PDB file of N, CA and C in Angstrom:
ATOM      1  N   MET A   1      17.663   1.820  -5.797  1.00  0.00           N
ATOM      2  CA  MET A   1      18.047   0.227  -5.490  1.00  0.00           C
ATOM      3  C   MET A   1      18.959   0.137  -4.157  1.00  0.00           C
ATOM      4  N   ALA A   2      18.702  -0.253  -3.691  1.00  0.00           N
ATOM      5  CA  ALA A   2      19.556  -0.439  -1.857  1.00  0.00           C
ATOM      6  C   ALA A   2      21.024  -1.032  -2.858  1.00  0.00           C
ATOM      7  N   ILE A   3      22.115  -0.113  -1.544  1.00  0.00           N
ATOM      8  CA  ILE A   3      23.358  -0.676  -1.535  1.00  0.00           C
ATOM      9  C   ILE A   3      23.456  -1.586  -0.334  1.00  0.00           C
ATOM     10  N   LYS A   4      23.872  -2.849  -0.594  1.00  0.00           N
ATOM     11  CA  LYS A   4      24.446  -3.662   1.024  1.00  0.00           C
ATOM     12  C   LYS A   4      25.773  -3.328   1.557  1.00  0.00           C
ATOM     13  N   THR A   5      25.941  -2.724   2.685  1.00  0.00           N
ATOM     14  CA  THR A   5      27.297  -2.676   3.475  1.00  0.00           C
ATOM     15  C   THR A   5      27.492  -3.153   4.718  1.00  0.00           C
ATOM     16  N   LYS A   6      28.815  -3.906   4.950  1.00  0.00           N
ATOM     17  CA  LYS A   6      28.941  -4.331   6.393  1.00  0.00           C
ATOM     18  C   LYS A   6      29.221  -3.296   7.104  1.00  0.00           C
ATOM     19  N   ILE A   7      28.861  -3.464   8.389  1.00  0.00           N
ATOM     20  CA  ILE A   7      29.184  -2.372   9.404  1.00  0.00           C
ATOM     21  C   ILE A   7      30.421  -1.965   9.625  1.00  0.00           C
ATOM     22  N   ARG A   8      31.623  -3.024   9.339  1.00  0.00           N
ATOM     23  CA  ARG A   8      32.844  -2.221   9.062  1.00  0.00           C
ATOM     24  C   ARG A   8      33.485  -1.265   8.153  1.00  0.00           C
ATOM     25  N   GLU A   9      32.688  -1.729   7.255  1.00  0.00           N
ATOM     26  CA  GLU A   9      32.817  -0.512   6.063  1.00  0.00           C
ATOM     27  C   GLU A   9      32.405   0.578   5.616  1.00  0.00           C
ATOM     28  N   LEU A  10      31.030   0.527   6.702  1.00  0.00           N
ATOM     29  CA  LEU A  10      30.239   1.745   6.708  1.00  0.00           C
ATOM     30  C   LEU A  10      30.791   2.694   7.296  1.00  0.00           C
ATOM     31  N   LYS A  11      31.556   2.070   8.649  1.00  0.00           N
ATOM     32  CA  LYS A  11      32.117   2.926   9.721  1.00  0.00           C
ATOM     33  C   LYS A  11      33.480   3.500   8.889  1.00  0.00           C
ATOM     34  N   ALA A  12      34.024   2.761   8.074  1.00  0.00           N
ATOM     35  CA  ALA A  12      35.621   3.403   7.365  1.00  0.00           C
ATOM     36  C   ALA A  12      34.812   4.435   6.251  1.00  0.00           C
ATOM     37  N   LYS A  13      34.101   3.958   5.594  1.00  0.00           N
ATOM     38  CA  LYS A  13      34.007   4.893   4.798  1.00  0.00           C
ATOM     39  C   LYS A  13      32.120   5.810   4.694  1.00  0.00           C
ATOM     40  N   LEU A  14      32.034   6.145   5.883  1.00  0.00           N
ATOM     41  CA  LEU A  14      30.314   7.013   6.151  1.00  0.00           C
ATOM     42  C   LEU A  14      30.242   8.202   5.821  1.00  0.00           C
ATOM     43  N   SER A  15      31.260   8.704   5.232  1.00  0.00           N
ATOM     44  CA  SER A  15      30.902  10.265   4.436  1.00  0.00           C
ATOM     45  C   SER A  15      30.323  10.053   2.997  1.00  0.00           C
ATOM     46  N   ALA A  16      31.155   8.745   2.534  1.00  0.00           N
ATOM     47  CA  ALA A  16      30.728   8.411   0.859  1.00  0.00           C
ATOM     48  C   ALA A  16      29.161   7.967   0.843  1.00  0.00           C
ATOM     49  N   TYR A  17      28.978   6.889   2.043  1.00  0.00           N
ATOM     50  CA  TYR A  17      27.789   6.285   2.054  1.00  0.00           C
ATOM     51  C   TYR A  17      26.650   7.643   2.283  1.00  0.00           C
ATOM     52  N   MET A  18      26.801   8.643   3.283  1.00  0.00           N
ATOM     53  CA  MET A  18      26.043   9.351   3.652  1.00  0.00           C
ATOM     54  C   MET A  18      25.561  10.615   2.115  1.00  0.00           C
ATOM     55  N   ARG A  19      27.084  10.369   1.516  1.00  0.00           N
ATOM     56  CA  ARG A  19      26.708  11.172  -0.003  1.00  0.00           C
ATOM     57  C   ARG A  19      25.583  10.745  -0.923  1.00  0.00           C
ATOM     58  N   ARG A  20      25.257   8.959  -0.970  1.00  0.00           N
ATOM     59  CA  ARG A  20      24.989   8.258  -1.646  1.00  0.00           C
ATOM     60  C   ARG A  20      23.346   8.597  -0.893  1.00  0.00           C
ATOM     61  N   ALA A  21      23.636   8.275   0.220  1.00  0.00           N
ATOM     62  CA  ALA A  21      21.662   8.536   0.606  1.00  0.00           C
ATOM     63  C   ALA A  21      21.144  10.266   0.272  1.00  0.00           C
ATOM     64  N   LYS A  22      22.168  10.911   0.332  1.00  0.00           N
ATOM     65  CA  LYS A  22      21.759  12.014   0.254  1.00  0.00           C
ATOM     66  C   LYS A  22      21.639  12.366  -1.633  1.00  0.00           C
ATOM     67  N   ALA A  23      22.044  11.506  -2.256  1.00  0.00           N
ATOM     68  CA  ALA A  23      21.573  11.471  -3.796  1.00  0.00           C
ATOM     69  C   ALA A  23      20.033  10.575  -3.982  1.00  0.00           C
ATOM     70  N   GLY A  24      19.810   9.704  -2.822  1.00  0.00           N
ATOM     71  CA  GLY A  24      18.370   9.421  -3.132  1.00  0.00           C
ATOM     72  C   GLY A  24      18.508   7.379  -3.189  1.00  0.00           C
ATOM     73  N   GLU A  25      20.061   6.994  -2.323  1.00  0.00           N
ATOM     74  CA  GLU A  25      20.444   5.834  -2.708  1.00  0.00           C
ATOM     75  C   GLU A  25      19.824   5.455  -0.888  1.00  0.00           C
ATOM     76  N   THR A  26      19.441   4.180  -1.016  1.00  0.00           N
ATOM     77  CA  THR A  26      19.466   3.466   0.305  1.00  0.00           C
ATOM     78  C   THR A  26      20.424   2.595   0.436  1.00  0.00           C
ATOM     79  N   ILE A  27      21.011   2.724   1.623  1.00  0.00           N
ATOM     80  CA  ILE A  27      21.745   1.718   1.903  1.00  0.00           C
ATOM     81  C   ILE A  27      21.436   0.324   2.959  1.00  0.00           C
ATOM     82  N   VAL A  28      21.885  -0.610   2.659  1.00  0.00           N
ATOM     83  CA  VAL A  28      20.944  -1.530   3.717  1.00  0.00           C
ATOM     84  C   VAL A  28      22.577  -2.263   4.627  1.00  0.00           C
ATOM     85  N   ILE A  29      22.498  -2.188   5.930  1.00  0.00           N
ATOM     86  CA  ILE A  29      23.538  -2.310   6.887  1.00  0.00           C
ATOM     87  C   ILE A  29      23.515  -3.665   7.442  1.00  0.00           C
ATOM     88  N   THR A  30      24.829  -4.520   6.562  1.00  0.00           N
ATOM     89  CA  THR A  30      24.590  -6.176   6.980  1.00  0.00           C
ATOM     90  C   THR A  30      25.360  -6.667   8.600  1.00  0.00           C
ATOM     91  N   GLU A  31      25.150  -7.471   8.908  1.00  0.00           N
ATOM     92  CA  GLU A  31      25.763  -7.783  10.163  1.00  0.00           C
ATOM     93  C   GLU A  31      25.846  -9.920   9.482  1.00  0.00           C
ATOM     94  N   HIS A  32      27.156 -10.323   9.601  1.00  0.00           N
ATOM     95  CA  HIS A  32      27.115 -11.753   9.036  1.00  0.00           C
ATOM     96  C   HIS A  32      26.576 -11.786   8.032  1.00  0.00           C
ATOM     97  N   GLY A  33      26.019 -10.814   6.946  1.00  0.00           N
ATOM     98  CA  GLY A  33      25.521 -11.400   5.759  1.00  0.00           C
ATOM     99  C   GLY A  33      24.185 -10.882   5.954  1.00  0.00           C
ATOM    100  N   LYS A  34      23.552 -10.681   7.415  1.00  0.00           N
ATOM    101  CA  LYS A  34      22.356 -10.353   7.281  1.00  0.00           C
ATOM    102  C   LYS A  34      21.909  -8.795   7.671  1.00  0.00           C
ATOM    103  N   PRO A  35      20.958  -8.422   7.088  1.00  0.00           N
ATOM    104  CA  PRO A  35      20.638  -7.187   7.596  1.00  0.00           C
ATOM    105  C   PRO A  35      19.985  -6.848   8.443  1.00  0.00           C
ATOM    106  N   ILE A  36      19.914  -5.539   9.183  1.00  0.00           N
ATOM    107  CA  ILE A  36      20.292  -5.140  10.573  1.00  0.00           C
ATOM    108  C   ILE A  36      19.793  -3.648  10.611  1.00  0.00           C
ATOM    109  N   GLY A  37      19.936  -2.985   9.739  1.00  0.00           N
ATOM    110  CA  GLY A  37      19.492  -1.958   9.704  1.00  0.00           C
ATOM    111  C   GLY A  37      19.823  -0.951   8.260  1.00  0.00           C
ATOM    112  N   ARG A  38      19.183   0.107   8.422  1.00  0.00           N
ATOM    113  CA  ARG A  38      19.019   0.801   6.692  1.00  0.00           C
ATOM    114  C   ARG A  38      19.013   2.250   7.007  1.00  0.00           C
ATOM    115  N   ILE A  39      20.012   2.890   5.842  1.00  0.00           N
ATOM    116  CA  ILE A  39      20.242   4.183   5.911  1.00  0.00           C
ATOM    117  C   ILE A  39      19.475   4.952   4.527  1.00  0.00           C
ATOM    118  N   VAL A  40      18.182   5.590   4.920  1.00  0.00           N
ATOM    119  CA  VAL A  40      17.269   6.148   3.955  1.00  0.00           C
ATOM    120  C   VAL A  40      17.498   7.705   3.793  1.00  0.00           C
ATOM    121  N   PRO A  41      17.428   8.109   2.271  1.00  0.00           N
ATOM    122  CA  PRO A  41      17.384   9.651   2.369  1.00  0.00           C
ATOM    123  C   PRO A  41      15.894  10.276   3.080  1.00  0.00           C
ATOM    124  N   VAL A  42      15.843  11.322   3.285  1.00  0.00           N
ATOM    125  CA  VAL A  42      14.882  11.606   4.407  1.00  0.00           C
ATOM    126  C   VAL A  42      14.001  11.997   3.668  1.00  0.00           C
ATOM    127  N   GLY A  43      14.106  12.520   2.207  1.00  0.00           N
ATOM    128  CA  GLY A  43      13.395  12.835   1.393  1.00  0.00           C
ATOM    129  C   GLY A  43      12.167  11.701   0.735  1.00  0.00           C
ATOM    130  N   GLN A  44      12.347  10.705   0.919  1.00  0.00           N
ATOM    131  CA  GLN A  44      11.830   9.417   0.640  1.00  0.00           C
ATOM    132  C   GLN A  44      10.317   9.333   1.242  1.00  0.00           C
ATOM    133  N   SER A  45       9.135   9.043   1.109  1.00  0.00           N
ATOM    134  CA  SER A  45       7.991   8.706   1.666  1.00  0.00           C
ATOM    135  C   SER A  45       8.053   7.243   1.899  1.00  0.00           C
ATOM    136  N   THR A  46       7.041   6.990   2.840  1.00  0.00           N
ATOM    137  CA  THR A  46       6.881   5.282   3.291  1.00  0.00           C
ATOM    138  C   THR A  46       7.209   4.612   1.724  1.00  0.00           C
ATOM    139  N   GLN A  47       5.982   5.107   0.948  1.00  0.00           N
ATOM    140  CA  GLN A  47       5.602   4.334   0.103  1.00  0.00           C
ATOM    141  C   GLN A  47       6.616   4.084  -0.981  1.00  0.00           C
ATOM    142  N   GLU A  48       8.140   5.143  -1.081  1.00  0.00           N
ATOM    143  CA  GLU A  48       9.009   5.263  -1.893  1.00  0.00           C
ATOM    144  C   GLU A  48      10.087   4.137  -1.551  1.00  0.00           C
ATOM    145  N   GLN A  49       9.780   4.034   0.127  1.00  0.00           N
ATOM    146  CA  GLN A  49      11.055   3.360   0.923  1.00  0.00           C
ATOM    147  C   GLN A  49      10.749   1.862   0.616  1.00  0.00           C
ATOM    148  N   MET A  50       9.014   1.619   0.884  1.00  0.00           N
ATOM    149  CA  MET A  50       8.594   0.237   0.467  1.00  0.00           C
ATOM    150  C   MET A  50       8.754  -0.412  -0.849  1.00  0.00           C
ATOM    151  N   ALA A  51       8.924   0.558  -2.017  1.00  0.00           N
ATOM    152  CA  ALA A  51       9.250   0.309  -3.064  1.00  0.00           C
ATOM    153  C   ALA A  51      10.338  -0.080  -3.566  1.00  0.00           C
ATOM    154  N   ALA A  52      11.577   0.637  -2.842  1.00  0.00           N
ATOM    155  CA  ALA A  52      12.936   0.366  -2.919  1.00  0.00           C
ATOM    156  C   ALA A  52      13.348  -1.212  -2.514  1.00  0.00           C
ATOM    157  N   LEU A  53      12.540  -1.210  -1.109  1.00  0.00           N
ATOM    158  CA  LEU A  53      12.712  -2.292  -0.346  1.00  0.00           C
ATOM    159  C   LEU A  53      12.469  -3.934  -1.072  1.00  0.00           C
ATOM    160  N   MET A  54      11.085  -3.646  -1.969  1.00  0.00           N
ATOM    161  CA  MET A  54      10.766  -4.673  -2.492  1.00  0.00           C
ATOM    162  C   MET A  54      11.425  -4.824  -3.869  1.00  0.00           C
ATOM    163  N   ARG A  55      12.495  -3.854  -4.038  1.00  0.00           N
ATOM    164  CA  ARG A  55      13.170  -3.940  -5.608  1.00  0.00           C
ATOM    165  C   ARG A  55      14.276  -4.694  -5.140  1.00  0.00           C
ATOM    166  N   ALA A  56      14.779  -4.414  -4.115  1.00  0.00           N
ATOM    167  CA  ALA A  56      15.797  -5.034  -3.419  1.00  0.00           C
ATOM    168  C   ALA A  56      15.514  -6.615  -3.178  1.00  0.00           C
ATOM    169  N   GLY A  57      14.373  -6.778  -3.049  1.00  0.00           N
ATOM    170  CA  GLY A  57      13.767  -8.241  -2.593  1.00  0.00           C
ATOM    171  C   GLY A  57      14.123  -8.502  -0.982  1.00  0.00           C
ATOM    172  N   LEU A  58      14.009  -7.572  -0.271  1.00  0.00           N
ATOM    173  CA  LEU A  58      14.294  -7.280   0.986  1.00  0.00           C
ATOM    174  C   LEU A  58      12.934  -7.888   1.593  1.00  0.00           C
ATOM    175  N   ILE A  59      11.769  -7.278   1.034  1.00  0.00           N
ATOM    176  CA  ILE A  59      10.209  -7.459   1.428  1.00  0.00           C
ATOM    177  C   ILE A  59       9.551  -7.792   0.354  1.00  0.00           C
ATOM    178  N   ASN A  60       8.456  -8.062   0.557  1.00  0.00           N
ATOM    179  CA  ASN A  60       7.297  -8.979  -0.232  1.00  0.00           C
ATOM    180  C   ASN A  60       5.925  -8.211   0.361  1.00  0.00           C
ATOM    181  N   CYS A  61       5.294  -7.650  -0.424  1.00  0.00           N
ATOM    182  CA  CYS A  61       3.987  -6.966  -0.260  1.00  0.00           C
ATOM    183  C   CYS A  61       2.958  -7.603  -1.147  1.00  0.00           C
ATOM    184  N   ASN A  62       1.626  -8.426  -0.749  1.00  0.00           N
ATOM    185  CA  ASN A  62       0.531  -8.598  -1.744  1.00  0.00           C
ATOM    186  C   ASN A  62      -0.490  -7.849  -1.396  1.00  0.00           C
ATOM    187  N   ARG A  63      -0.342  -6.779  -0.709  1.00  0.00           N
ATOM    188  CA  ARG A  63      -1.460  -5.293  -0.476  1.00  0.00           C
ATOM    189  C   ARG A  63      -2.905  -6.063  -0.075  1.00  0.00           C
ATOM    190  N   GLU A  64      -2.560  -7.106   0.251  1.00  0.00           N
ATOM    191  CA  GLU A  64      -4.184  -7.104   1.046  1.00  0.00           C
ATOM    192  C   GLU A  64      -4.133  -6.937   2.426  1.00  0.00           C
ATOM    193  N   LYS A  65      -5.460  -6.634   3.031  1.00  0.00           N
ATOM    194  CA  LYS A  65      -5.335  -6.358   4.531  1.00  0.00           C
ATOM    195  C   LYS A  65      -5.355  -7.524   5.050  1.00  0.00           C
ATOM    196  N   LEU A  66      -4.751  -7.032   6.326  1.00  0.00           N
ATOM    197  CA  LEU A  66      -4.453  -8.116   7.413  1.00  0.00           C
ATOM    198  C   LEU A  66      -5.308  -8.479   8.128  1.00  0.00           C
ATOM    199  N   ALA A  67      -5.579  -9.992   8.385  1.00  0.00           N
ATOM    200  CA  ALA A  67      -7.138 -10.284   9.347  1.00  0.00           C
ATOM    201  C   ALA A  67      -6.329  -9.672  10.452  1.00  0.00           C
ATOM    202  N   HIS A  68      -7.887  -9.575  11.387  1.00  0.00           N
ATOM    203  CA  HIS A  68      -7.517  -9.106  13.062  1.00  0.00           C
ATOM    204  C   HIS A  68      -7.096 -10.354  13.451  1.00  0.00           C
ATOM    205  N   ILE A  69      -5.921 -10.009  14.202  1.00  0.00           N
ATOM    206  CA  ILE A  69      -5.653 -11.340  15.015  1.00  0.00           C
ATOM    207  C   ILE A  69      -5.646 -10.635  16.944  1.00  0.00           C
ATOM    208  N   SER A  70      -6.070 -11.326  17.294  1.00  0.00           N
ATOM    209  CA  SER A  70      -6.079 -10.977  19.312  1.00  0.00           C
ATOM    210  C   SER A  70      -4.873 -11.206  19.823  1.00  0.00           C
ATOM    211  N   PRO A  71      -4.454 -10.445  20.513  1.00  0.00           N
ATOM    212  CA  PRO A  71      -3.149 -10.482  21.367  1.00  0.00           C
ATOM    213  C   PRO A  71      -2.737 -11.826  21.935  1.00  0.00           C
ATOM    214  N   PRO A  72      -1.726 -12.286  21.989  1.00  0.00           N
ATOM    215  CA  PRO A  72      -1.474 -13.381  21.841  1.00  0.00           C
ATOM    216  C   PRO A  72      -1.081 -13.363  23.547  1.00  0.00           C
ATOM    217  N   ALA A  73      -0.781 -12.667  24.308  1.00  0.00           N
ATOM    218  CA  ALA A  73      -0.681 -12.559  25.644  1.00  0.00           C
ATOM    219  C   ALA A  73      -1.098 -11.767  26.130  1.00  0.00           C
ATOM    220  N   HIS A  74      -1.741 -11.949  27.739  1.00  0.00           N
ATOM    221  CA  HIS A  74      -3.028 -11.251  28.809  1.00  0.00           C
ATOM    222  C   HIS A  74      -2.168 -10.886  29.711  1.00  0.00           C
ATOM    223  N   THR A  75      -2.365  -9.863  30.382  1.00  0.00           N
ATOM    224  CA  THR A  75      -1.662  -9.811  31.734  1.00  0.00           C
ATOM    225  C   THR A  75      -2.459  -9.962  33.003  1.00  0.00           C
ATOM    226  N   ARG A  76      -1.565 -10.021  34.095  1.00  0.00           N
ATOM    227  CA  ARG A  76      -2.881 -10.001  35.210  1.00  0.00           C
ATOM    228  C   ARG A  76      -2.376  -8.580  35.885  1.00  0.00           C
ATOM    229  N   GLY A  77      -3.688  -7.967  36.191  1.00  0.00           N
ATOM    230  CA  GLY A  77      -3.685  -6.770  36.868  1.00  0.00           C
ATOM    231  C   GLY A  77      -4.413  -5.950  36.143  1.00  0.00           C
ATOM    232  N   ASP A  78      -3.611  -4.612  36.266  1.00  0.00           N
ATOM    233  CA  ASP A  78      -3.963  -3.287  35.671  1.00  0.00           C
ATOM    234  C   ASP A  78      -2.697  -2.946  34.866  1.00  0.00           C
ATOM    235  N   ARG A  79      -1.794  -3.752  34.777  1.00  0.00           N
ATOM    236  CA  ARG A  79      -0.463  -3.024  34.131  1.00  0.00           C
ATOM    237  C   ARG A  79      -0.748  -3.676  32.481  1.00  0.00           C
ATOM    238  N   SER A  80      -0.366  -2.500  31.754  1.00  0.00           N
ATOM    239  CA  SER A  80      -0.248  -3.407  30.377  1.00  0.00           C
ATOM    240  C   SER A  80       1.349  -3.712  29.981  1.00  0.00           C
ATOM    241  N   LEU A  81       0.994  -4.746  29.014  1.00  0.00           N
ATOM    242  CA  LEU A  81       2.341  -5.710  28.819  1.00  0.00           C
ATOM    243  C   LEU A  81       3.570  -4.713  28.524  1.00  0.00           C
ATOM    244  N   SER A  82       3.061  -3.834  27.790  1.00  0.00           N
ATOM    245  CA  SER A  82       4.325  -2.483  27.442  1.00  0.00           C
ATOM    246  C   SER A  82       4.864  -1.949  28.798  1.00  0.00           C
ATOM    247  N   ASP A  83       4.267  -1.839  29.540  1.00  0.00           N
ATOM    248  CA  ASP A  83       4.900  -1.409  31.136  1.00  0.00           C
ATOM    249  C   ASP A  83       5.891  -2.494  31.685  1.00  0.00           C
ATOM    250  N   LEU A  84       5.282  -3.823  31.630  1.00  0.00           N
ATOM    251  CA  LEU A  84       5.872  -4.677  31.594  1.00  0.00           C
ATOM    252  C   LEU A  84       7.408  -5.022  31.073  1.00  0.00           C
ATOM    253  N   LEU A  85       7.122  -4.937  29.923  1.00  0.00           N
ATOM    254  CA  LEU A  85       8.406  -5.243  28.996  1.00  0.00           C
ATOM    255  C   LEU A  85       9.333  -3.912  29.367  1.00  0.00           C
ATOM    256  N   LEU A  86       8.715  -2.648  29.344  1.00  0.00           N
ATOM    257  CA  LEU A  86       9.563  -1.534  30.061  1.00  0.00           C
ATOM    258  C   LEU A  86      10.556  -1.454  31.199  1.00  0.00           C
ATOM    259  N   GLU A  87       9.541  -2.259  32.069  1.00  0.00           N
ATOM    260  CA  GLU A  87      10.069  -2.386  33.236  1.00  0.00           C
ATOM    261  C   GLU A  87      11.375  -3.489  33.188  1.00  0.00           C
ATOM    262  N   ASP A  88      11.181  -4.423  32.418  1.00  0.00           N
ATOM    263  CA  ASP A  88      12.093  -5.822  32.193  1.00  0.00           C
ATOM    264  C   ASP A  88      12.946  -5.139  31.375  1.00  0.00           C
ATOM    265  N   ARG A  89      13.396  -4.160  30.624  1.00  0.00           N
ATOM    266  CA  ARG A  89      14.230  -3.829  30.226  1.00  0.00           C
ATOM    267  C   ARG A  89      15.421  -2.898  31.319  1.00  0.00           C
ATOM    268  N   GLU A  90      14.607  -2.372  32.119  1.00  0.00           N
ATOM    269  CA  GLU A  90      15.574  -1.399  32.757  1.00  0.00           C
ATOM    270  C   GLU A  90      16.138  -2.538  34.063  1.00  0.00           C
TER     271      GLU A  90
END
């Protein structure tokens, strides 16, 4: 089961939340009531993490294969879109 906590509370009680994560719990970090991150135990597999998120109602999965989608953007020249994004972030 996932536990929700605000950033301020996480900072104030970090050791306690880390003990809970070590014990196998997932901690969902919220900002203004919206999830922004999570702390998960290292030992959890991706499937276990997905199952925990589904139980918490944070994701929904119908397990169908996604249809192929062509890229929505194309670049001019030899540079890739990821190169342009990295340059823009600098």
